[in-house]
Amino acid sequence: MTRIRNARVLSAALPITVLILAGTAYADPVLAESLGLDVWEVGRLENDLRAAEACGDRLEAEFQSLQELMAVNDVILADVAAGRLELSAAARRKWELNRHRPTIRDHLNRHCRGRTGEEKVAHDLCRRIGQEYRAAPDFDALVRRLHAEYETAYHAPLPGVNR
């Protein structure tokens, strides 16, 4: 008899409890959320989680791409400084790699001069070499070579860089 009574109490208490919880959730969604009762949001939360994971994957891929691009740009810079690659060829290659990146175009437009994107890249390469190779023993010869290569390729003096 006791078991039947407990079953009746449970069968009556369970719907009442569910009703009270549903009423609380409807009346105060913040309280329901803090109590973990907002189960109707599970689908949206799962979608948000998938979207966040996809965004993280895209950011990771972009980060990897930028790291690879920076490594290539550093190799190009070193090749120009060492004389293994002419300034115009390096500028053309670097411009083709970077032309679709708005941040690169903005940087070039703000800090470099030239009539075309390639000329601005050549100017940027010369500026970077001037900064990074200043302590090189043959720096003066390097600067003269870069000026000559720039003037030959672009038929204009290298802008804003003193000889």
N, C-alpha and C. Protein backbone atom coordinates (compact mmCIF):
# COMPACT_ATOMS: atom_id res chain seq x y z
N MET A 1 0.79 -1.18 0.00
CA MET A 1 0.00 0.00 0.00
C MET A 1 0.85 1.26 0.00
N THR A 2 1.94 1.19 0.75
CA THR A 2 2.82 2.35 0.81
C THR A 2 3.41 2.65 -0.55
N ARG A 3 3.72 1.58 -1.29
CA ARG A 3 4.29 1.79 -2.62
C ARG A 3 3.28 2.45 -3.55
N ILE A 4 2.07 2.07 -3.47
CA ILE A 4 1.04 2.67 -4.32
C ILE A 4 0.86 4.13 -3.95
N ARG A 5 0.85 4.42 -2.67
CA ARG A 5 0.70 5.80 -2.22
C ARG A 5 1.88 6.63 -2.72
N ASN A 6 3.12 6.09 -2.62
CA ASN A 6 4.31 6.81 -3.10
C ASN A 6 4.24 7.03 -4.61
N ALA A 7 3.74 6.06 -5.31
CA ALA A 7 3.61 6.20 -6.77
C ALA A 7 2.59 7.27 -7.11
N ARG A 8 1.49 7.33 -6.37
CA ARG A 8 0.48 8.36 -6.61
C ARG A 8 1.03 9.75 -6.30
N VAL A 9 1.74 9.86 -5.20
CA VAL A 9 2.33 11.15 -4.83
C VAL A 9 3.33 11.57 -5.91
N LEU A 10 4.15 10.62 -6.34
CA LEU A 10 5.14 10.93 -7.38
C LEU A 10 4.45 11.29 -8.68
N SER A 11 3.40 10.54 -9.04
CA SER A 11 2.71 10.84 -10.30
C SER A 11 2.00 12.18 -10.23
N ALA A 12 1.61 12.60 -9.08
CA ALA A 12 0.98 13.92 -8.94
C ALA A 12 2.04 15.01 -8.81
N ALA A 13 3.12 14.72 -8.10
CA ALA A 13 4.15 15.74 -7.85
C ALA A 13 4.96 16.05 -9.09
N LEU A 14 5.22 15.06 -9.91
CA LEU A 14 6.05 15.26 -11.10
C LEU A 14 5.42 16.26 -12.08
N PRO A 15 4.18 16.10 -12.46
CA PRO A 15 3.60 17.11 -13.36
C PRO A 15 3.52 18.50 -12.73
N ILE A 16 3.23 18.55 -11.44
CA ILE A 16 3.18 19.85 -10.76
C ILE A 16 4.56 20.51 -10.77
N THR A 17 5.60 19.72 -10.51
CA THR A 17 6.98 20.24 -10.53
C THR A 17 7.34 20.74 -11.92
N VAL A 18 7.02 19.96 -12.93
CA VAL A 18 7.30 20.36 -14.31
C VAL A 18 6.55 21.65 -14.64
N LEU A 19 5.31 21.74 -14.21
CA LEU A 19 4.52 22.93 -14.45
C LEU A 19 5.12 24.15 -13.76
N ILE A 20 5.55 23.98 -12.54
CA ILE A 20 6.18 25.08 -11.80
C ILE A 20 7.48 25.52 -12.49
N LEU A 21 8.29 24.55 -12.90
CA LEU A 21 9.55 24.88 -13.58
C LEU A 21 9.28 25.57 -14.92
N ALA A 22 8.30 25.08 -15.66
CA ALA A 22 7.97 25.70 -16.95
C ALA A 22 7.46 27.12 -16.73
N GLY A 23 6.64 27.30 -15.71
CA GLY A 23 6.14 28.65 -15.39
C GLY A 23 7.27 29.58 -15.00
N THR A 24 8.23 29.08 -14.21
CA THR A 24 9.39 29.87 -13.82
C THR A 24 10.22 30.25 -15.03
N ALA A 25 10.42 29.27 -15.91
CA ALA A 25 11.20 29.53 -17.12
C ALA A 25 10.51 30.57 -17.99
N TYR A 26 9.19 30.50 -18.09
CA TYR A 26 8.46 31.46 -18.90
C TYR A 26 8.48 32.84 -18.26
N ALA A 27 8.30 32.88 -16.95
CA ALA A 27 8.23 34.16 -16.24
C ALA A 27 9.59 34.83 -16.12
N ASP A 28 10.63 34.03 -15.92
CA ASP A 28 11.97 34.62 -15.72
C ASP A 28 13.00 33.76 -16.45
N PRO A 29 13.23 34.02 -17.75
CA PRO A 29 14.19 33.20 -18.52
C PRO A 29 15.60 33.25 -17.96
N VAL A 30 15.98 34.37 -17.36
CA VAL A 30 17.33 34.47 -16.80
C VAL A 30 17.49 33.51 -15.63
N LEU A 31 16.46 33.42 -14.78
CA LEU A 31 16.49 32.48 -13.67
C LEU A 31 16.54 31.04 -14.19
N ALA A 32 15.75 30.76 -15.20
CA ALA A 32 15.75 29.41 -15.77
C ALA A 32 17.12 29.08 -16.34
N GLU A 33 17.71 30.05 -17.00
CA GLU A 33 19.06 29.82 -17.56
C GLU A 33 20.08 29.59 -16.46
N SER A 34 20.00 30.37 -15.39
CA SER A 34 20.97 30.19 -14.31
C SER A 34 20.77 28.85 -13.59
N LEU A 35 19.56 28.32 -13.60
CA LEU A 35 19.29 27.02 -12.99
C LEU A 35 19.56 25.86 -13.94
N GLY A 36 19.88 26.20 -15.21
CA GLY A 36 20.16 25.16 -16.19
C GLY A 36 18.89 24.53 -16.75
N LEU A 37 17.77 25.24 -16.67
CA LEU A 37 16.49 24.71 -17.10
C LEU A 37 16.11 25.13 -18.52
N ASP A 38 16.96 25.85 -19.19
CA ASP A 38 16.64 26.37 -20.52
C ASP A 38 16.99 25.35 -21.60
N VAL A 39 16.41 24.17 -21.49
CA VAL A 39 16.72 23.09 -22.42
C VAL A 39 16.26 23.39 -23.83
N TRP A 40 15.31 24.29 -24.01
CA TRP A 40 14.85 24.65 -25.34
C TRP A 40 15.94 25.37 -26.13
N GLU A 41 16.98 25.83 -25.47
CA GLU A 41 18.08 26.54 -26.12
C GLU A 41 19.20 25.60 -26.59
N VAL A 42 19.10 24.32 -26.31
CA VAL A 42 20.18 23.38 -26.62
C VAL A 42 20.50 23.37 -28.11
N GLY A 43 19.50 23.35 -28.96
CA GLY A 43 19.73 23.35 -30.40
C GLY A 43 20.48 24.59 -30.86
N ARG A 44 20.04 25.75 -30.37
CA ARG A 44 20.72 27.00 -30.73
C ARG A 44 22.14 27.01 -30.19
N LEU A 45 22.33 26.52 -28.97
CA LEU A 45 23.67 26.50 -28.39
C LEU A 45 24.59 25.55 -29.15
N GLU A 46 24.05 24.42 -29.60
CA GLU A 46 24.86 23.51 -30.41
C GLU A 46 25.25 24.16 -31.73
N ASN A 47 24.31 24.88 -32.34
CA ASN A 47 24.62 25.61 -33.58
C ASN A 47 25.68 26.68 -33.35
N ASP A 48 25.55 27.40 -32.23
CA ASP A 48 26.55 28.41 -31.88
C ASP A 48 27.92 27.78 -31.68
N LEU A 49 27.94 26.63 -31.04
CA LEU A 49 29.21 25.93 -30.81
C LEU A 49 29.84 25.51 -32.14
N ARG A 50 29.03 24.96 -33.04
CA ARG A 50 29.56 24.57 -34.37
C ARG A 50 30.08 25.79 -35.13
N ALA A 51 29.35 26.89 -35.04
CA ALA A 51 29.78 28.11 -35.74
C ALA A 51 31.09 28.63 -35.14
N ALA A 52 31.21 28.57 -33.82
CA ALA A 52 32.45 29.03 -33.17
C ALA A 52 33.63 28.13 -33.54
N GLU A 53 33.39 26.84 -33.61
CA GLU A 53 34.46 25.91 -34.02
C GLU A 53 34.88 26.17 -35.46
N ALA A 54 33.91 26.43 -36.34
CA ALA A 54 34.23 26.73 -37.75
C ALA A 54 35.01 28.03 -37.85
N CYS A 55 34.62 29.02 -37.06
CA CYS A 55 35.34 30.30 -37.04
C CYS A 55 36.77 30.09 -36.54
N GLY A 56 36.92 29.29 -35.51
CA GLY A 56 38.26 28.97 -34.99
C GLY A 56 39.12 28.28 -36.03
N ASP A 57 38.51 27.36 -36.78
CA ASP A 57 39.24 26.67 -37.85
C ASP A 57 39.67 27.66 -38.94
N ARG A 58 38.76 28.59 -39.31
CA ARG A 58 39.12 29.60 -40.32
C ARG A 58 40.25 30.49 -39.83
N LEU A 59 40.17 30.91 -38.57
CA LEU A 59 41.22 31.76 -38.01
C LEU A 59 42.56 31.03 -37.95
N GLU A 60 42.53 29.76 -37.60
CA GLU A 60 43.75 28.97 -37.54
C GLU A 60 44.36 28.83 -38.93
N ALA A 61 43.52 28.60 -39.94
CA ALA A 61 44.01 28.50 -41.32
C ALA A 61 44.59 29.83 -41.78
N GLU A 62 43.93 30.93 -41.45
CA GLU A 62 44.44 32.26 -41.83
C GLU A 62 45.76 32.55 -41.13
N PHE A 63 45.84 32.18 -39.86
CA PHE A 63 47.09 32.37 -39.11
C PHE A 63 48.22 31.58 -39.75
N GLN A 64 47.95 30.33 -40.11
CA GLN A 64 48.96 29.49 -40.76
C GLN A 64 49.38 30.11 -42.09
N SER A 65 48.40 30.59 -42.85
CA SER A 65 48.68 31.22 -44.14
C SER A 65 49.55 32.47 -43.96
N LEU A 66 49.23 33.27 -42.95
CA LEU A 66 50.03 34.48 -42.70
C LEU A 66 51.45 34.14 -42.26
N GLN A 67 51.61 33.10 -41.46
CA GLN A 67 52.96 32.69 -41.06
C GLN A 67 53.77 32.25 -42.26
N GLU A 68 53.15 31.49 -43.15
CA GLU A 68 53.85 31.05 -44.36
C GLU A 68 54.20 32.23 -45.25
N LEU A 69 53.27 33.17 -45.37
CA LEU A 69 53.51 34.35 -46.18
C LEU A 69 54.64 35.21 -45.61
N MET A 70 54.67 35.35 -44.30
CA MET A 70 55.76 36.12 -43.67
C MET A 70 57.10 35.44 -43.91
N ALA A 71 57.13 34.12 -43.85
CA ALA A 71 58.38 33.40 -44.12
C ALA A 71 58.83 33.61 -45.56
N VAL A 72 57.89 33.54 -46.50
CA VAL A 72 58.23 33.78 -47.91
C VAL A 72 58.73 35.21 -48.10
N ASN A 73 58.04 36.17 -47.48
CA ASN A 73 58.45 37.58 -47.58
C ASN A 73 59.85 37.79 -47.01
N ASP A 74 60.17 37.11 -45.92
CA ASP A 74 61.51 37.23 -45.33
C ASP A 74 62.58 36.63 -46.25
N VAL A 75 62.25 35.53 -46.91
CA VAL A 75 63.19 34.92 -47.86
C VAL A 75 63.42 35.87 -49.04
N ILE A 76 62.35 36.47 -49.54
CA ILE A 76 62.47 37.43 -50.64
C ILE A 76 63.36 38.59 -50.23
N LEU A 77 63.14 39.13 -49.05
CA LEU A 77 63.95 40.24 -48.56
C LEU A 77 65.42 39.85 -48.46
N ALA A 78 65.69 38.68 -47.91
CA ALA A 78 67.08 38.21 -47.78
C ALA A 78 67.71 38.00 -49.15
N ASP A 79 66.94 37.48 -50.11
CA ASP A 79 67.47 37.26 -51.46
C ASP A 79 67.81 38.57 -52.15
N VAL A 80 66.99 39.58 -51.96
CA VAL A 80 67.28 40.90 -52.56
C VAL A 80 68.53 41.47 -51.91
N ALA A 81 68.60 41.42 -50.60
CA ALA A 81 69.76 41.99 -49.89
C ALA A 81 71.05 41.28 -50.29
N ALA A 82 70.98 39.99 -50.52
CA ALA A 82 72.17 39.22 -50.89
C ALA A 82 72.50 39.30 -52.37
N GLY A 83 71.60 39.92 -53.16
CA GLY A 83 71.86 40.04 -54.59
C GLY A 83 71.46 38.82 -55.39
N ARG A 84 70.75 37.87 -54.78
CA ARG A 84 70.31 36.67 -55.50
C ARG A 84 69.04 36.92 -56.31
N LEU A 85 68.36 38.03 -56.03
CA LEU A 85 67.11 38.36 -56.70
C LEU A 85 67.08 39.86 -56.94
N GLU A 86 66.77 40.25 -58.17
CA GLU A 86 66.70 41.68 -58.48
C GLU A 86 65.49 42.30 -57.78
N LEU A 87 65.62 43.57 -57.46
CA LEU A 87 64.58 44.29 -56.74
C LEU A 87 63.24 44.23 -57.48
N SER A 88 63.24 44.47 -58.79
CA SER A 88 61.97 44.49 -59.54
C SER A 88 61.31 43.11 -59.55
N ALA A 89 62.08 42.04 -59.71
CA ALA A 89 61.52 40.69 -59.70
C ALA A 89 60.95 40.37 -58.31
N ALA A 90 61.66 40.78 -57.29
CA ALA A 90 61.19 40.54 -55.92
C ALA A 90 59.91 41.33 -55.65
N ALA A 91 59.89 42.58 -56.09
CA ALA A 91 58.70 43.41 -55.87
C ALA A 91 57.49 42.83 -56.61
N ARG A 92 57.71 42.39 -57.83
CA ARG A 92 56.63 41.80 -58.61
C ARG A 92 56.10 40.53 -57.91
N ARG A 93 57.00 39.69 -57.47
CA ARG A 93 56.61 38.44 -56.79
C ARG A 93 55.86 38.72 -55.49
N LYS A 94 56.40 39.66 -54.73
CA LYS A 94 55.79 39.99 -53.44
C LYS A 94 54.43 40.66 -53.64
N TRP A 95 54.30 41.51 -54.66
CA TRP A 95 53.02 42.15 -54.93
C TRP A 95 51.98 41.10 -55.34
N GLU A 96 52.37 40.14 -56.15
CA GLU A 96 51.42 39.10 -56.55
C GLU A 96 50.97 38.28 -55.34
N LEU A 97 51.85 38.04 -54.40
CA LEU A 97 51.49 37.28 -53.20
C LEU A 97 50.58 38.07 -52.26
N ASN A 98 50.72 39.39 -52.24
CA ASN A 98 50.07 40.21 -51.22
C ASN A 98 48.96 41.13 -51.72
N ARG A 99 48.78 41.25 -53.01
CA ARG A 99 47.87 42.27 -53.55
C ARG A 99 46.43 42.10 -53.08
N HIS A 100 46.00 40.91 -52.76
CA HIS A 100 44.62 40.67 -52.34
C HIS A 100 44.40 40.93 -50.84
N ARG A 101 45.43 41.28 -50.13
CA ARG A 101 45.32 41.50 -48.68
C ARG A 101 45.13 43.00 -48.39
N PRO A 102 43.96 43.38 -47.89
CA PRO A 102 43.69 44.80 -47.63
C PRO A 102 44.69 45.44 -46.66
N THR A 103 45.13 44.70 -45.66
CA THR A 103 46.06 45.29 -44.69
C THR A 103 47.40 45.62 -45.35
N ILE A 104 47.82 44.79 -46.29
CA ILE A 104 49.07 45.05 -47.00
C ILE A 104 48.91 46.28 -47.88
N ARG A 105 47.79 46.34 -48.62
CA ARG A 105 47.55 47.52 -49.47
C ARG A 105 47.49 48.79 -48.64
N ASP A 106 46.82 48.73 -47.49
CA ASP A 106 46.75 49.91 -46.61
C ASP A 106 48.15 50.32 -46.15
N HIS A 107 48.95 49.35 -45.74
CA HIS A 107 50.32 49.64 -45.30
C HIS A 107 51.10 50.31 -46.42
N LEU A 108 51.02 49.75 -47.61
CA LEU A 108 51.77 50.31 -48.74
C LEU A 108 51.29 51.72 -49.07
N ASN A 109 49.99 51.94 -49.04
CA ASN A 109 49.45 53.27 -49.35
C ASN A 109 49.84 54.30 -48.29
N ARG A 110 49.97 53.88 -47.05
CA ARG A 110 50.33 54.82 -45.98
C ARG A 110 51.82 55.11 -45.90
N HIS A 111 52.65 54.10 -46.13
CA HIS A 111 54.07 54.22 -45.82
C HIS A 111 55.00 54.21 -47.03
N CYS A 112 54.49 53.91 -48.19
CA CYS A 112 55.37 53.76 -49.35
C CYS A 112 54.88 54.61 -50.50
N ARG A 113 55.84 54.98 -51.36
CA ARG A 113 55.48 55.79 -52.52
C ARG A 113 55.80 55.02 -53.79
N GLY A 114 55.04 55.34 -54.80
CA GLY A 114 55.22 54.73 -56.10
C GLY A 114 53.93 54.86 -56.89
N ARG A 115 54.03 54.71 -58.19
CA ARG A 115 52.85 54.85 -59.05
C ARG A 115 51.97 53.61 -59.03
N THR A 116 52.57 52.45 -58.83
CA THR A 116 51.83 51.19 -58.84
C THR A 116 52.08 50.43 -57.54
N GLY A 117 51.30 49.39 -57.35
CA GLY A 117 51.51 48.54 -56.17
C GLY A 117 52.90 47.94 -56.17
N GLU A 118 53.36 47.52 -57.33
CA GLU A 118 54.70 46.91 -57.42
C GLU A 118 55.78 47.92 -57.04
N GLU A 119 55.65 49.16 -57.50
CA GLU A 119 56.65 50.18 -57.13
C GLU A 119 56.63 50.44 -55.63
N LYS A 120 55.44 50.45 -55.05
CA LYS A 120 55.33 50.66 -53.60
C LYS A 120 55.97 49.50 -52.85
N VAL A 121 55.82 48.28 -53.36
CA VAL A 121 56.45 47.11 -52.74
C VAL A 121 57.96 47.24 -52.84
N ALA A 122 58.46 47.67 -54.00
CA ALA A 122 59.91 47.86 -54.17
C ALA A 122 60.42 48.89 -53.17
N HIS A 123 59.67 49.98 -53.00
CA HIS A 123 60.04 51.00 -52.02
C HIS A 123 60.04 50.40 -50.61
N ASP A 124 59.03 49.61 -50.31
CA ASP A 124 58.95 48.96 -48.99
C ASP A 124 60.12 48.01 -48.77
N LEU A 125 60.48 47.23 -49.79
CA LEU A 125 61.63 46.33 -49.67
C LEU A 125 62.90 47.13 -49.37
N CYS A 126 63.09 48.23 -50.07
CA CYS A 126 64.28 49.06 -49.82
C CYS A 126 64.27 49.64 -48.40
N ARG A 127 63.10 50.08 -47.95
CA ARG A 127 62.99 50.60 -46.58
C ARG A 127 63.33 49.53 -45.56
N ARG A 128 62.78 48.32 -45.75
CA ARG A 128 63.03 47.23 -44.80
C ARG A 128 64.49 46.81 -44.81
N ILE A 129 65.08 46.75 -46.00
CA ILE A 129 66.50 46.40 -46.08
C ILE A 129 67.32 47.47 -45.38
N GLY A 130 66.93 48.74 -45.58
CA GLY A 130 67.63 49.83 -44.89
C GLY A 130 67.56 49.71 -43.38
N GLN A 131 66.46 49.23 -42.88
CA GLN A 131 66.29 49.06 -41.43
C GLN A 131 67.01 47.81 -40.91
N GLU A 132 66.86 46.71 -41.62
CA GLU A 132 67.35 45.43 -41.10
C GLU A 132 68.81 45.13 -41.42
N TYR A 133 69.36 45.80 -42.42
CA TYR A 133 70.74 45.49 -42.83
C TYR A 133 71.68 46.67 -42.61
N ARG A 134 71.26 47.64 -41.83
CA ARG A 134 72.06 48.83 -41.59
C ARG A 134 73.44 48.50 -41.02
N ALA A 135 73.53 47.45 -40.24
CA ALA A 135 74.81 47.08 -39.62
C ALA A 135 75.69 46.21 -40.51
N ALA A 136 75.19 45.87 -41.69
CA ALA A 136 75.98 45.02 -42.59
C ALA A 136 77.24 45.76 -43.04
N PRO A 137 78.36 45.07 -43.17
CA PRO A 137 79.60 45.74 -43.54
C PRO A 137 79.55 46.38 -44.94
N ASP A 138 78.76 45.83 -45.82
CA ASP A 138 78.67 46.37 -47.19
C ASP A 138 77.37 47.14 -47.40
N PHE A 139 76.87 47.78 -46.36
CA PHE A 139 75.58 48.47 -46.41
C PHE A 139 75.56 49.57 -47.48
N ASP A 140 76.61 50.37 -47.56
CA ASP A 140 76.63 51.47 -48.54
C ASP A 140 76.54 50.93 -49.96
N ALA A 141 77.27 49.87 -50.26
CA ALA A 141 77.21 49.26 -51.59
C ALA A 141 75.82 48.68 -51.85
N LEU A 142 75.23 48.10 -50.84
CA LEU A 142 73.88 47.55 -50.96
C LEU A 142 72.88 48.66 -51.30
N VAL A 143 72.97 49.78 -50.61
CA VAL A 143 72.06 50.90 -50.86
C VAL A 143 72.25 51.43 -52.28
N ARG A 144 73.50 51.57 -52.72
CA ARG A 144 73.76 52.05 -54.09
C ARG A 144 73.16 51.09 -55.12
N ARG A 145 73.33 49.80 -54.89
CA ARG A 145 72.78 48.79 -55.81
C ARG A 145 71.26 48.88 -55.86
N LEU A 146 70.61 49.02 -54.71
CA LEU A 146 69.15 49.11 -54.68
C LEU A 146 68.65 50.36 -55.39
N HIS A 147 69.35 51.48 -55.19
CA HIS A 147 68.96 52.71 -55.89
C HIS A 147 69.06 52.51 -57.40
N ALA A 148 70.15 51.92 -57.84
CA ALA A 148 70.34 51.69 -59.28
C ALA A 148 69.28 50.74 -59.83
N GLU A 149 68.99 49.67 -59.12
CA GLU A 149 67.97 48.71 -59.58
C GLU A 149 66.60 49.36 -59.64
N TYR A 150 66.27 50.17 -58.64
CA TYR A 150 64.97 50.84 -58.61
C TYR A 150 64.86 51.80 -59.80
N GLU A 151 65.88 52.62 -59.99
CA GLU A 151 65.85 53.60 -61.08
C GLU A 151 65.78 52.92 -62.44
N THR A 152 66.48 51.81 -62.62
CA THR A 152 66.45 51.09 -63.88
C THR A 152 65.06 50.48 -64.13
N ALA A 153 64.48 49.88 -63.12
CA ALA A 153 63.20 49.19 -63.28
C ALA A 153 62.02 50.15 -63.41
N TYR A 154 62.03 51.24 -62.65
CA TYR A 154 60.85 52.09 -62.56
C TYR A 154 61.05 53.48 -63.16
N HIS A 155 62.23 53.73 -63.71
CA HIS A 155 62.54 54.98 -64.41
C HIS A 155 62.26 56.21 -63.54
N ALA A 156 62.59 56.08 -62.29
CA ALA A 156 62.41 57.17 -61.33
C ALA A 156 63.36 56.92 -60.16
N PRO A 157 63.77 57.98 -59.48
CA PRO A 157 64.62 57.76 -58.31
C PRO A 157 63.84 57.09 -57.17
N LEU A 158 64.53 56.36 -56.35
CA LEU A 158 63.91 55.71 -55.20
C LEU A 158 63.37 56.78 -54.26
N PRO A 159 62.06 56.81 -54.01
CA PRO A 159 61.47 57.89 -53.22
C PRO A 159 61.79 57.80 -51.73
N GLY A 160 62.10 58.94 -51.17
CA GLY A 160 62.21 59.06 -49.73
C GLY A 160 63.34 58.31 -49.06
N VAL A 161 64.32 57.87 -49.81
CA VAL A 161 65.43 57.15 -49.20
C VAL A 161 66.70 57.88 -49.61
N ASN A 162 67.41 58.39 -48.64
CA ASN A 162 68.63 59.13 -48.94
C ASN A 162 69.76 58.19 -49.29
N ARG A 163 70.59 58.67 -50.19
CA ARG A 163 71.77 57.87 -50.57
C ARG A 163 72.88 58.02 -49.56
